[in-house]
Each structure stands twice: as C-alpha cells, then as structure tokens.
C-alpha cells in the first residue's frame, strides 16, 4: 500500500494498493506491443500526441498544481509554473522533433550514406518527488516523439501525481499500453530493468540510487541516462553587482524549498564583497514567507518528508559545531508538518557537512575566498558536477572561467535552470547522459548508419 501524506500538516491524503505481479506483466507485454506499432507511425503524426498532452496539462493546471502542492509541499505558484513548463516542453518537441530526428546525409563520393534515428523500445522511467510532473514530462515528450514507449516507476510519496500523469496520457489519446504508471516498491525495479521488454532506463534521483540502478542496467547491458545529485556553486566575484547577485542567489537557493538537484547550494564569494553579499542575502532571505504552501505569498512550504528535514538539520548542526556561523534559521519549527526555515550558514569551509554533502533543503552555505582562482578551485572541490553560476561584470573573463568549472552547465549572471531548448545533465557523481534539446531526444534512439553503394547499370 502506498500512502500519500500532506507534508504541510502530516495528514493522510489517500492510500493506493500496489500493482500485482500480474499487473506488471500485463503492463510490460502491452507496452512492448504498443511500442512496436508506435514506432511505425511517422514522426509528424506522433507529435500530435505531444500537442494534446500540452493541451490537457493546461486545461487542468489548477487541479494538477494543487495536487503537487498537497502531496510534496512546494508553494502553489511554483507548482503552477511546473505544469506550464511541462506543457511548454511538449509544445517544444512537437515543433522540433521532426527536425531533430530527420535523417542526416553524410557526403560521400562513392555512396549514399546517412545517419537515421530509430527508437530503442520501451524505456523505464524512475522519477523523483521534487518535480513530480516536470521530471516525467521532460523525459516523456522527446522519448515518445522518437517512437519509444514508457513505463513510470515514480517516487512512492507522490502516488496521486503518478496516477494523474497516467490520466493526462489517457486523456491526450496515448495509444493503449504505450504508457503506464506502475505502483511498485523499489525492490521491484531490478526485475523490471532485467526484463527483455525494457530497452533502456532513465533515472532522476540521488547519487546512491543512481549507482544501484546503473549497476543493474549495466549488468543487463542497457542504456541509461542518470541525472543525480548536485552541490552547485554560485560564485560571486569582486566586481559583481552585489544586490542583483544576492537577490538571484536567494531565489536560486530557496526555490522548491531548496529541494532540487540544481538549487545553488554553495555560495563562493570574494572576501572583498563578502560582508555586503551576506547582508544583502540575509535581507532577501528574511523577506521569504514560510507557511501553508496553498496560500498566496508563501515562498517556503514544508519539506517533503520528515526524514529529509531531520537529515538537513543534522547537516546544519554538524556544520555549526565545526565552526560555521549561523546567520539565520537553523531550528526545526515546532508546528504540524515538516517545515524548516530559510537558513544561512557563513564562514563555511570545505571540511564541513554544508560544503561536502548535498544539502537538499532550504540551507545556504557561504564560503569566503580570495579571488577567482580560489573560487574555481573550491567550486570544483566536490564529487558533484551538475550546474554552476558565476557572477561578474567581466563577461569575457566569465566565459574563460566557465571553461574551468566542472559542471554540465554554467550560467553567467543568472541562476541554473532547465530549459527545453538546452541540454541538461551532469558529470562526475551527478550522472551522465543528457535530457532536453536536440541531444536529449537522441539519448533513446539507435543512431543507425545507412550506407548504400553505387549500383552498376544492367
């Protein structure tokens, strides 16, 4: 039984029975059959499904956004933005998939050669709770457009959202069996990956789970895309616009209650402007309102689960014990739900938990450095490599420095965010493979070479 809990008050929302082994077998068989037919549908017809998906999402935005907020706790305005972004992604791939998947002709004097993009088959999507709709639709839109099928194993604390996604697909006219939500325990994943009807796996989640899934998929010799943890640096050099940087830094840290792989987590600031930055950061952070995420004006809702809050608070306490300066927050709220206030730690150093570990919640770690070289060195001093932000008035220097940062994306004078038009993913223990853009749609295709030699006249 999967239980849906409202993290704002700890109340039970609903219970859902797990799918049986027979249910899973039916889903696998039906997906394989449906995908074999779907791959034969021309891409210009396949993208019609994506347009209908976007339409259904927008038509039901109020319902789905409230569901997201009730089930995982993000502020309602952010949940509304999540649904709209899902629809945008569907529209983007509906427009661009025929271009991205068009045959590529390779010039040759002796033959007609081309690269064509065939679907791999049925992809198992293992998705997290923090963006319960977006994480799925950013994968599904390009994967379906490319001719694949999909089975969704969602996080067990968002079963309502998982089943609602299935409703979206059905209402949009997805062919029977091509997509299915599976309500199963994590222990069932290994068997799914090993099944011959699963062609590939995509996972967004923790580095620890990613390593397990990678081993299982590797044993079965199946393609994987892994988007894992992150400890993104937000570098502020001495010539940066401090007020603008601080305002954006607060947004980059506390959006989604700080529960995102690409939240800025380590704020690496030149000593020459560190005091000014910390003052501005704390001023903007103090203006954030914590409370019921369904209410207008609330910026900090509850964390998704009690155990996540406990882990975060332990990281804060260990960092303070090691010498970090607690500027604000840092106390568990004595109220129903899983709330944790916007927290700022100053004078964080590399041996502290707030620097070395991924802090998945509303805690900002400020690290003071002397100059750009030390900033880059500390930015790279992590096992992660997902995103990074760099703030400076010297854009030419920023572009040079960005090449030295170990990350899948570097945003100059902005905050890291996913965008359907740009590839998204990480390096090191943040995973491998890419989602979104033209690169994302080609992760789950067979890049097939077609070589045709000259034909002699009869």
Protein backbone atom coordinates (compact mmCIF):
# COMPACT_ATOMS: atom_id res chain seq x y z
CA UNK A 1 0.00 0.00 0.00
CA UNK A 2 1.30 3.45 -0.92
CA UNK A 3 0.25 6.30 1.37
CA UNK A 4 0.03 9.91 0.21
CA UNK A 5 0.84 12.35 3.03
CA UNK A 6 0.38 16.13 3.06
CA UNK A 7 3.74 17.45 4.32
CA UNK A 8 2.15 20.72 5.44
CA UNK A 9 0.28 19.02 8.29
CA UNK A 10 1.25 15.34 8.20
CA UNK A 11 -2.31 14.30 7.39
CA UNK A 12 -3.01 11.28 5.20
CA UNK A 13 -4.46 12.18 1.81
CA UNK A 14 -5.09 8.76 0.29
CA UNK A 15 -3.96 5.14 0.09
CA UNK A 16 -3.29 3.17 -3.08
CA UNK A 17 -2.81 -0.58 -3.48
CA UNK A 18 0.39 -1.75 -5.11
CA UNK A 19 0.21 -3.30 -8.53
CA UNK A 20 0.44 -7.08 -8.53
CA UNK A 21 2.95 -9.15 -10.44
CA UNK A 22 0.20 -9.86 -12.97
CA UNK A 23 -0.45 -6.13 -13.38
CA UNK A 24 3.24 -5.54 -14.07
CA UNK A 25 3.41 -8.41 -16.55
CA UNK A 26 0.41 -7.01 -18.41
CA UNK A 27 2.00 -3.56 -18.50
CA UNK A 28 5.24 -4.92 -19.92
CA UNK A 29 3.51 -7.02 -22.56
CA UNK A 30 1.16 -4.24 -23.60
CA UNK A 31 3.94 -1.65 -23.75
CA UNK A 32 6.07 -3.86 -25.99
CA UNK A 33 3.14 -4.47 -28.35
CA UNK A 34 2.08 -0.82 -28.43
CA UNK A 35 5.61 0.46 -29.00
CA UNK A 36 6.13 -1.92 -31.92
CA UNK A 37 3.17 -0.23 -33.62
CA UNK A 38 4.02 3.29 -32.45
CA UNK A 39 7.50 3.23 -33.98
CA UNK A 40 5.87 2.77 -37.39
CA UNK A 41 3.84 5.98 -37.02
CA UNK A 42 5.52 8.90 -38.85
CA UNK A 43 7.05 11.46 -36.53
CA UNK A 44 4.81 14.20 -37.93
CA UNK A 45 1.86 12.18 -36.65
CA UNK A 46 3.49 11.17 -33.37
CA UNK A 47 3.97 14.79 -32.33
CA UNK A 48 0.22 15.27 -32.40
CA UNK A 49 0.14 13.33 -29.15
CA UNK A 50 2.53 15.85 -27.61
CA UNK A 51 0.31 18.77 -28.59
CA UNK A 52 -2.66 17.06 -26.97
CA UNK A 53 -0.60 16.38 -23.84
CA UNK A 54 0.19 20.08 -23.60
CA UNK A 55 -3.48 20.94 -24.03
CA UNK A 56 -4.59 18.55 -21.28
CA UNK A 57 -1.95 19.88 -18.89
CA UNK A 58 -3.00 23.48 -19.41
CA UNK A 59 -6.71 22.70 -19.18
CA UNK A 60 -6.20 21.02 -15.80
CA UNK A 61 -3.41 23.23 -14.43
CA UNK A 62 -5.37 24.27 -11.34
CA UNK A 63 -6.11 20.67 -10.39
CA UNK A 64 -2.63 19.31 -11.03
CA UNK A 65 -0.77 22.19 -9.40
CA UNK A 66 -2.85 21.88 -6.23
CA UNK A 67 -2.17 18.14 -6.25
CA UNK A 68 1.58 18.75 -6.44
CA UNK A 69 1.46 21.22 -3.56
CA UNK A 70 -0.66 18.97 -1.37
CA UNK A 71 1.48 15.92 -1.99
CA UNK A 72 5.05 17.26 -1.85
CA UNK A 73 4.72 20.75 -0.37
CA UNK A 74 6.05 23.28 -2.87
CA UNK A 75 4.34 26.72 -2.97
CA UNK A 76 1.30 26.71 -5.23
CA UNK A 77 2.67 29.37 -7.58
CA UNK A 78 5.72 27.17 -8.22
CA UNK A 79 3.50 24.15 -8.83
CA UNK A 80 1.53 26.15 -11.39
CA UNK A 81 4.80 27.06 -13.08
CA UNK A 82 5.79 23.38 -13.13
CA UNK A 83 2.64 22.40 -15.04
CA UNK A 84 3.09 25.22 -17.52
CA UNK A 85 6.72 24.21 -18.08
CA UNK A 86 5.62 20.63 -18.81
CA UNK A 87 3.22 21.94 -21.44
CA UNK A 88 5.92 24.17 -22.94
CA UNK A 89 8.24 21.18 -23.19
CA UNK A 90 5.58 19.17 -25.02
CA UNK A 91 4.99 22.04 -27.43
CA UNK A 92 8.72 22.48 -27.99
CA UNK A 93 9.27 18.87 -29.00
CA UNK A 94 6.09 18.83 -31.07
CA UNK A 95 7.66 21.63 -33.12
CA UNK A 96 11.26 20.47 -33.15
CA UNK A 97 11.21 16.65 -33.07
CA UNK A 98 10.77 16.31 -36.87
CA UNK A 99 13.90 18.45 -37.28
CA UNK A 100 15.94 16.70 -34.58
CA UNK A 101 15.03 13.25 -35.92
CA UNK A 102 15.48 13.97 -39.62
CA UNK A 103 17.96 11.75 -41.46
CA UNK A 104 21.45 13.22 -41.60
CA UNK A 105 23.02 12.84 -45.03
CA UNK A 106 26.76 12.20 -44.99
CA UNK A 107 28.60 13.36 -48.08
CA UNK A 108 30.48 10.60 -49.88
CA UNK A 109 31.83 10.29 -53.41
CA UNK A 110 31.31 6.55 -53.55
CA UNK A 111 28.00 6.03 -51.76
CA UNK A 112 24.84 7.50 -50.40
CA UNK A 113 25.32 7.47 -46.62
CA UNK A 114 23.07 8.69 -43.86
CA UNK A 115 22.54 8.52 -40.11
CA UNK A 116 18.97 7.68 -39.11
CA UNK A 117 17.40 7.71 -35.66
CA UNK A 118 15.35 4.66 -34.71
CA UNK A 119 13.63 4.30 -31.31
CA UNK A 120 15.14 1.89 -28.79
CA UNK A 121 11.85 0.50 -27.44
CA UNK A 122 10.18 0.74 -24.03
CA UNK A 123 12.03 2.96 -21.55
CA UNK A 124 11.67 2.56 -17.78
CA UNK A 125 11.48 6.00 -16.14
CA UNK A 126 12.37 6.09 -12.43
CA UNK A 127 11.35 9.52 -11.23
CA UNK A 128 11.66 11.59 -8.00
CA UNK A 129 9.12 13.51 -5.95
CA UNK A 130 10.58 17.02 -6.07
CA UNK A 131 9.18 17.93 -9.51
CA UNK A 132 6.64 15.13 -9.85
CA UNK A 133 5.21 16.24 -13.20
CA UNK A 134 8.20 18.01 -14.79
CA UNK A 135 10.71 15.22 -14.26
CA UNK A 136 8.45 12.83 -16.16
CA UNK A 137 7.33 15.09 -18.99
CA UNK A 138 10.81 16.39 -19.75
CA UNK A 139 11.74 12.76 -20.49
CA UNK A 140 8.45 11.59 -21.99
CA UNK A 141 7.89 14.26 -24.63
CA UNK A 142 11.12 13.59 -26.56
CA UNK A 143 11.08 9.85 -25.88
CA UNK A 144 7.55 9.39 -27.23
CA UNK A 145 8.21 11.71 -30.17
CA UNK A 146 11.19 9.49 -31.05
CA UNK A 147 8.92 6.43 -31.18
CA UNK A 148 9.58 4.89 -27.77
CA UNK A 149 7.15 3.64 -25.14
CA UNK A 150 7.42 4.35 -21.42
CA UNK A 151 6.69 2.82 -18.04
CA UNK A 152 6.82 5.07 -14.98
CA UNK A 153 8.04 3.98 -11.56
CA UNK A 154 7.50 7.16 -9.55
CA UNK A 155 8.62 8.04 -6.03
CA UNK A 156 6.41 6.30 -3.51
CA UNK A 157 5.43 9.51 -1.68
CA UNK A 158 3.71 11.01 -4.77
CA UNK A 159 1.30 8.27 -5.92
CA UNK A 160 -1.50 10.77 -6.62
CA UNK A 161 0.72 12.65 -9.05
CA UNK A 162 1.90 9.39 -10.62
CA UNK A 163 -1.66 8.29 -11.33
CA UNK A 164 -2.64 11.78 -12.50
CA UNK A 165 0.14 11.59 -15.10
CA UNK A 166 -1.47 8.42 -16.40
CA UNK A 167 -4.77 10.30 -16.63
CA UNK A 168 -3.07 13.04 -18.68
CA UNK A 169 -1.74 10.50 -21.13
CA UNK A 170 -5.08 8.72 -21.50
CA UNK A 171 -6.98 11.96 -21.99
CA UNK A 172 -4.44 13.04 -24.60
CA UNK A 173 -5.16 9.89 -26.61
CA UNK A 174 -1.96 7.98 -25.94
CA UNK A 175 -2.21 4.58 -27.67
CA UNK A 176 -3.34 1.81 -25.35
CA UNK A 177 -0.42 0.30 -23.48
CA UNK A 178 2.23 2.72 -24.76
CA UNK A 179 2.47 4.31 -21.33
CA UNK A 180 1.63 3.03 -17.87
CA UNK A 181 2.26 4.11 -14.29
CA UNK A 182 3.46 1.25 -12.09
CA UNK A 183 2.79 1.46 -8.35
CA UNK A 184 5.52 -0.87 -7.12
CA UNK A 185 8.12 -0.96 -4.36
CA UNK A 186 11.76 -0.08 -5.14
CA UNK A 187 12.63 -3.76 -4.73
CA UNK A 188 10.74 -4.46 -7.98
CA UNK A 189 12.97 -2.20 -10.06
CA UNK A 190 15.76 -4.72 -10.59
CA UNK A 191 13.34 -7.19 -12.14
CA UNK A 192 11.92 -4.53 -14.44
CA UNK A 193 15.38 -3.49 -15.63
CA UNK A 194 16.33 -7.11 -16.30
CA UNK A 195 13.20 -7.79 -18.35
CA UNK A 196 13.92 -8.12 -22.07
CA UNK A 197 10.98 -5.86 -22.89
CA UNK A 198 12.70 -2.90 -21.24
CA UNK A 199 15.20 -1.38 -23.67
CA UNK A 200 16.65 1.43 -21.56
CA UNK A 201 16.39 3.23 -18.22
CA UNK A 202 16.23 6.88 -17.19
CA UNK A 203 16.60 7.92 -13.57
CA UNK A 204 16.45 11.23 -11.79
CA UNK A 205 17.33 10.81 -8.15
CA UNK A 206 20.09 10.52 -5.59
CA UNK A 207 23.64 9.54 -6.40
CA UNK A 208 23.30 6.48 -4.16
CA UNK A 209 20.23 5.19 -6.01
CA UNK A 210 21.83 6.08 -9.32
CA UNK A 211 24.78 3.81 -8.58
CA UNK A 212 22.42 0.92 -7.82
CA UNK A 213 20.36 1.43 -10.98
CA UNK A 214 23.50 1.86 -13.10
CA UNK A 215 24.84 -1.46 -11.82
CA UNK A 216 21.55 -3.21 -12.56
CA UNK A 217 21.26 -1.70 -16.03
CA UNK A 218 24.92 -2.33 -16.75
CA UNK A 219 24.52 -5.98 -15.87
CA UNK A 220 21.71 -6.16 -18.42
CA UNK A 221 23.73 -4.09 -20.94
CA UNK A 222 21.01 -1.45 -21.23
CA UNK A 223 21.34 2.24 -22.00
CA UNK A 224 20.92 4.62 -19.07
CA UNK A 225 20.51 8.34 -18.55
CA UNK A 226 21.21 9.36 -14.95
CA UNK A 227 20.51 12.81 -13.52
CA UNK A 228 21.69 12.62 -9.93
CA UNK A 229 22.67 14.82 -7.02
CA UNK A 230 24.33 18.18 -7.07
CA UNK A 231 26.08 20.71 -4.86
CA UNK A 232 26.02 23.61 -7.28
CA UNK A 233 28.39 26.53 -6.65
CA UNK A 234 27.19 30.12 -7.01
CA UNK A 235 30.36 32.18 -7.46
CA UNK A 236 30.33 35.91 -6.77
CA UNK A 237 33.46 37.79 -7.83
CA UNK A 238 34.52 41.19 -6.50
CA UNK A 239 33.21 43.18 -9.49
CA UNK A 240 29.72 41.61 -9.47
CA UNK A 241 26.51 43.56 -8.97
CA UNK A 242 26.10 42.50 -5.34
CA UNK A 243 22.45 43.46 -4.91
CA UNK A 244 21.40 41.66 -8.08
CA UNK A 245 23.57 38.66 -7.27
CA UNK A 246 22.17 38.35 -3.75
CA UNK A 247 18.56 38.63 -4.90
CA UNK A 248 19.10 35.92 -7.53
CA UNK A 249 21.11 33.81 -5.09
CA UNK A 250 18.18 33.68 -2.67
CA UNK A 251 15.87 32.57 -5.44
CA UNK A 252 18.41 30.00 -6.64
CA UNK A 253 18.74 28.52 -3.15
CA UNK A 254 15.17 28.53 -1.85
CA UNK A 255 13.04 27.77 -4.91
CA UNK A 256 11.18 24.46 -4.42
CA UNK A 257 12.03 24.79 -0.70
CA UNK A 258 15.65 24.12 -1.64
CA UNK A 259 14.82 20.60 -2.80
CA UNK A 260 16.32 20.48 -6.28
CA UNK A 261 19.48 18.97 -7.70
CA UNK A 262 20.24 22.29 -9.39
CA UNK A 263 19.50 24.58 -6.49
CA UNK A 264 22.54 26.73 -5.77
CA UNK A 265 23.92 25.29 -2.54
CA UNK A 266 27.45 26.64 -2.04
CA UNK A 267 27.84 30.43 -2.33
CA UNK A 268 31.50 31.11 -3.01
CA UNK A 269 32.11 34.84 -2.53
CA UNK A 270 35.18 37.03 -2.88
CA UNK A 271 36.27 38.36 0.50
CA UNK A 272 36.30 41.91 -0.87
CA UNK A 273 32.48 41.87 -1.15
CA UNK A 274 31.55 39.01 1.19
CA UNK A 275 30.17 41.15 4.01
CA UNK A 276 27.98 43.14 1.63
CA UNK A 277 26.77 39.98 -0.08
CA UNK A 278 25.92 38.24 3.19
CA UNK A 279 23.97 41.27 4.42
CA UNK A 280 22.01 41.51 1.16
CA UNK A 281 21.44 37.74 1.01
CA UNK A 282 20.08 37.61 4.57
CA UNK A 283 17.85 40.61 3.92
CA UNK A 284 16.28 38.97 0.89
CA UNK A 285 16.04 35.58 2.63
CA UNK A 286 14.35 37.14 5.67
CA UNK A 287 11.64 38.51 3.37
CA UNK A 288 10.60 35.00 2.35
CA UNK A 289 7.35 33.93 3.98
CA UNK A 290 7.08 30.41 5.39
CA UNK A 291 3.67 28.79 5.78
CA UNK A 292 0.82 26.93 4.13
CA UNK A 293 2.02 26.43 0.53
CA UNK A 294 -1.53 26.79 -0.79
CA UNK A 295 -1.67 30.40 0.41
CA UNK A 296 -0.66 33.26 -1.84
CA UNK A 297 2.61 34.94 -0.93
CA UNK A 298 4.17 31.87 0.71
CA UNK A 299 7.70 31.20 -0.55
CA UNK A 300 8.80 28.46 1.86
CA UNK A 301 6.50 25.49 2.21
CA UNK A 302 7.23 22.31 4.12
CA UNK A 303 9.92 19.85 3.17
CA UNK A 304 8.55 16.74 1.51
CA UNK A 305 9.19 14.26 4.33
CA UNK A 306 10.14 14.28 7.99
CA UNK A 307 13.29 12.20 7.42
CA UNK A 308 14.55 14.70 4.84
CA UNK A 309 14.16 17.52 7.36
CA UNK A 310 15.97 15.50 10.02
CA UNK A 311 18.89 14.87 7.67
CA UNK A 312 19.14 18.55 6.75
CA UNK A 313 19.02 19.70 10.38
CA UNK A 314 21.78 17.25 11.26
CA UNK A 315 23.94 18.74 8.48
CA UNK A 316 23.33 22.23 9.89
CA UNK A 317 24.18 21.18 13.44
CA UNK A 318 27.37 19.39 12.37
CA UNK A 319 28.47 22.42 10.33
CA UNK A 320 27.87 24.83 13.23
CA UNK A 321 29.74 22.50 15.58
CA UNK A 322 32.66 22.59 13.13
CA UNK A 323 32.75 26.40 13.16
CA UNK A 324 30.17 27.68 10.69
CA UNK A 325 28.36 30.86 11.76
CA UNK A 326 24.56 30.55 11.87
CA UNK A 327 23.24 33.86 10.50
CA UNK A 328 19.55 32.92 10.44
CA UNK A 329 17.22 29.94 10.74
CA UNK A 330 18.62 26.58 11.74
CA UNK A 331 15.81 25.47 14.05
CA UNK A 332 13.11 22.85 13.47
CA UNK A 333 9.70 24.52 13.53
CA UNK A 334 7.53 23.41 16.44
CA UNK A 335 4.32 23.02 14.44
CA UNK A 336 2.50 20.37 12.40
CA UNK A 337 4.11 19.43 9.12
CA UNK A 338 7.72 19.23 8.01
CA UNK A 339 8.72 22.89 7.94
CA UNK A 340 12.30 24.16 8.10
CA UNK A 341 13.10 27.89 7.90
CA UNK A 342 15.32 29.62 5.39
CA UNK A 343 18.76 29.09 6.92
CA UNK A 344 22.09 30.80 6.23
CA UNK A 345 25.49 29.50 7.31
CA UNK A 346 28.50 31.83 6.95
CA UNK A 347 32.22 31.05 7.07
CA UNK A 348 31.68 27.53 5.79
CA UNK A 349 34.87 25.64 4.96
CA UNK A 350 35.49 22.50 2.86
CA UNK A 351 35.61 20.04 5.75
CA UNK A 352 32.09 20.94 6.90
CA UNK A 353 28.95 18.97 6.07
CA UNK A 354 27.29 22.01 4.45
CA UNK A 355 30.15 22.13 1.94
CA UNK A 356 31.00 18.48 1.44
CA UNK A 357 27.48 16.94 1.35
CA UNK A 358 24.46 17.76 -0.77
CA UNK A 359 22.09 19.85 1.37
CA UNK A 360 18.64 19.06 -0.02
CA UNK A 361 16.58 21.76 1.62
CA UNK A 362 16.49 25.49 2.50
CA UNK A 363 20.06 25.91 3.77
CA UNK A 364 22.62 28.24 2.16
CA UNK A 365 26.35 27.76 2.79
CA UNK A 366 28.55 30.83 2.27
CA UNK A 367 32.24 30.27 1.59
CA UNK A 368 34.67 33.20 1.53
CA UNK A 369 37.63 33.18 -0.89
CA UNK A 370 40.41 35.41 -2.15
CA UNK A 371 39.97 35.87 -5.89
CA UNK A 372 38.73 33.94 -8.89
CA UNK A 373 41.33 31.18 -8.84
CA UNK A 374 40.47 30.09 -5.31
CA UNK A 375 36.77 30.36 -6.16
CA UNK A 376 37.13 27.99 -9.11
CA UNK A 377 39.26 25.61 -7.06
CA UNK A 378 36.62 25.34 -4.33
CA UNK A 379 33.78 25.17 -6.84
CA UNK A 380 35.41 22.04 -8.28
CA UNK A 381 36.21 20.58 -4.87
CA UNK A 382 33.16 18.31 -4.83
CA UNK A 383 32.11 14.90 -6.06
CA UNK A 384 29.25 16.53 -7.97
CA UNK A 385 29.20 18.34 -11.30
CA UNK A 386 25.67 19.33 -12.28
CA UNK A 387 25.37 23.12 -12.62
CA UNK A 388 27.15 26.31 -11.58
CA UNK A 389 26.51 30.06 -11.59
CA UNK A 390 29.17 32.73 -11.98
CA UNK A 391 28.60 36.44 -11.27
CA UNK A 392 30.96 39.13 -12.56
CA UNK A 393 30.86 42.33 -14.60
CA UNK A 394 33.61 40.98 -16.87
CA UNK A 395 31.69 38.66 -19.20
CA UNK A 396 34.76 37.81 -21.28
CA UNK A 397 36.60 36.68 -18.15
CA UNK A 398 33.49 34.78 -17.06
CA UNK A 399 33.43 32.78 -20.28
CA UNK A 400 37.07 31.83 -19.77
CA UNK A 401 36.48 30.87 -16.15
CA UNK A 402 33.38 28.87 -17.06
CA UNK A 403 35.55 26.50 -19.11
CA UNK A 404 37.43 25.66 -15.90
CA UNK A 405 34.34 24.74 -13.88
CA UNK A 406 33.44 21.04 -13.68
CA UNK A 407 29.72 21.12 -14.48
CA UNK A 408 27.17 20.20 -17.10
CA UNK A 409 26.06 23.84 -17.28
CA UNK A 410 27.43 27.21 -16.22
CA UNK A 411 25.09 30.21 -16.05
CA UNK A 412 26.79 33.61 -16.11
CA UNK A 413 25.00 36.36 -14.15
CA UNK A 414 21.94 34.16 -13.72
CA UNK A 415 20.71 31.04 -11.92
CA UNK A 416 20.87 27.48 -13.19
CA UNK A 417 17.56 26.23 -14.58
CA UNK A 418 16.45 23.58 -17.04
CA UNK A 419 15.14 24.75 -20.41
CA UNK A 420 13.64 22.54 -23.14
CA UNK A 421 15.91 24.21 -25.69
CA UNK A 422 19.18 23.43 -23.87
CA UNK A 423 20.80 20.10 -22.93
CA UNK A 424 20.61 19.29 -19.24
CA UNK A 425 22.73 16.87 -17.22
CA UNK A 426 25.89 16.48 -15.22
CA UNK A 427 29.32 14.94 -14.87
CA UNK A 428 31.19 13.17 -12.08
CA UNK A 429 28.75 11.76 -9.49
CA UNK A 430 25.96 13.96 -10.81
CA UNK A 431 25.38 11.38 -13.53
CA UNK A 432 25.72 11.06 -17.28
CA UNK A 433 23.68 11.47 -20.41
CA UNK A 434 21.61 14.49 -21.33
CA UNK A 435 17.97 15.46 -21.32
CA UNK A 436 16.30 18.25 -23.31
CA UNK A 437 17.36 20.00 -26.50
CA UNK A 438 18.41 18.09 -29.59
CA UNK A 439 20.83 15.99 -27.54
CA UNK A 440 18.13 14.80 -25.16
CA UNK A 441 15.85 13.39 -27.85
CA UNK A 442 18.75 11.35 -29.22
CA UNK A 443 19.58 9.58 -25.95
CA UNK A 444 16.93 6.91 -26.52
CA UNK A 445 17.43 6.26 -30.20
CA UNK A 446 19.64 3.96 -32.21
CA UNK A 447 21.99 6.13 -34.26
CA UNK A 448 21.97 3.85 -37.26
CA UNK A 449 24.35 4.23 -40.18
CA UNK A 450 22.87 3.54 -43.63
CA UNK A 451 25.43 3.01 -46.38
CA UNK A 452 24.33 2.45 -49.96
CA UNK A 453 26.97 1.61 -52.51
CA UNK A 454 26.83 2.51 -56.20
CA UNK A 455 24.55 0.37 -58.36
CA UNK A 456 26.07 -0.81 -61.65
CA UNK A 457 23.94 -0.38 -64.72
CA UNK A 458 22.49 -3.62 -66.09
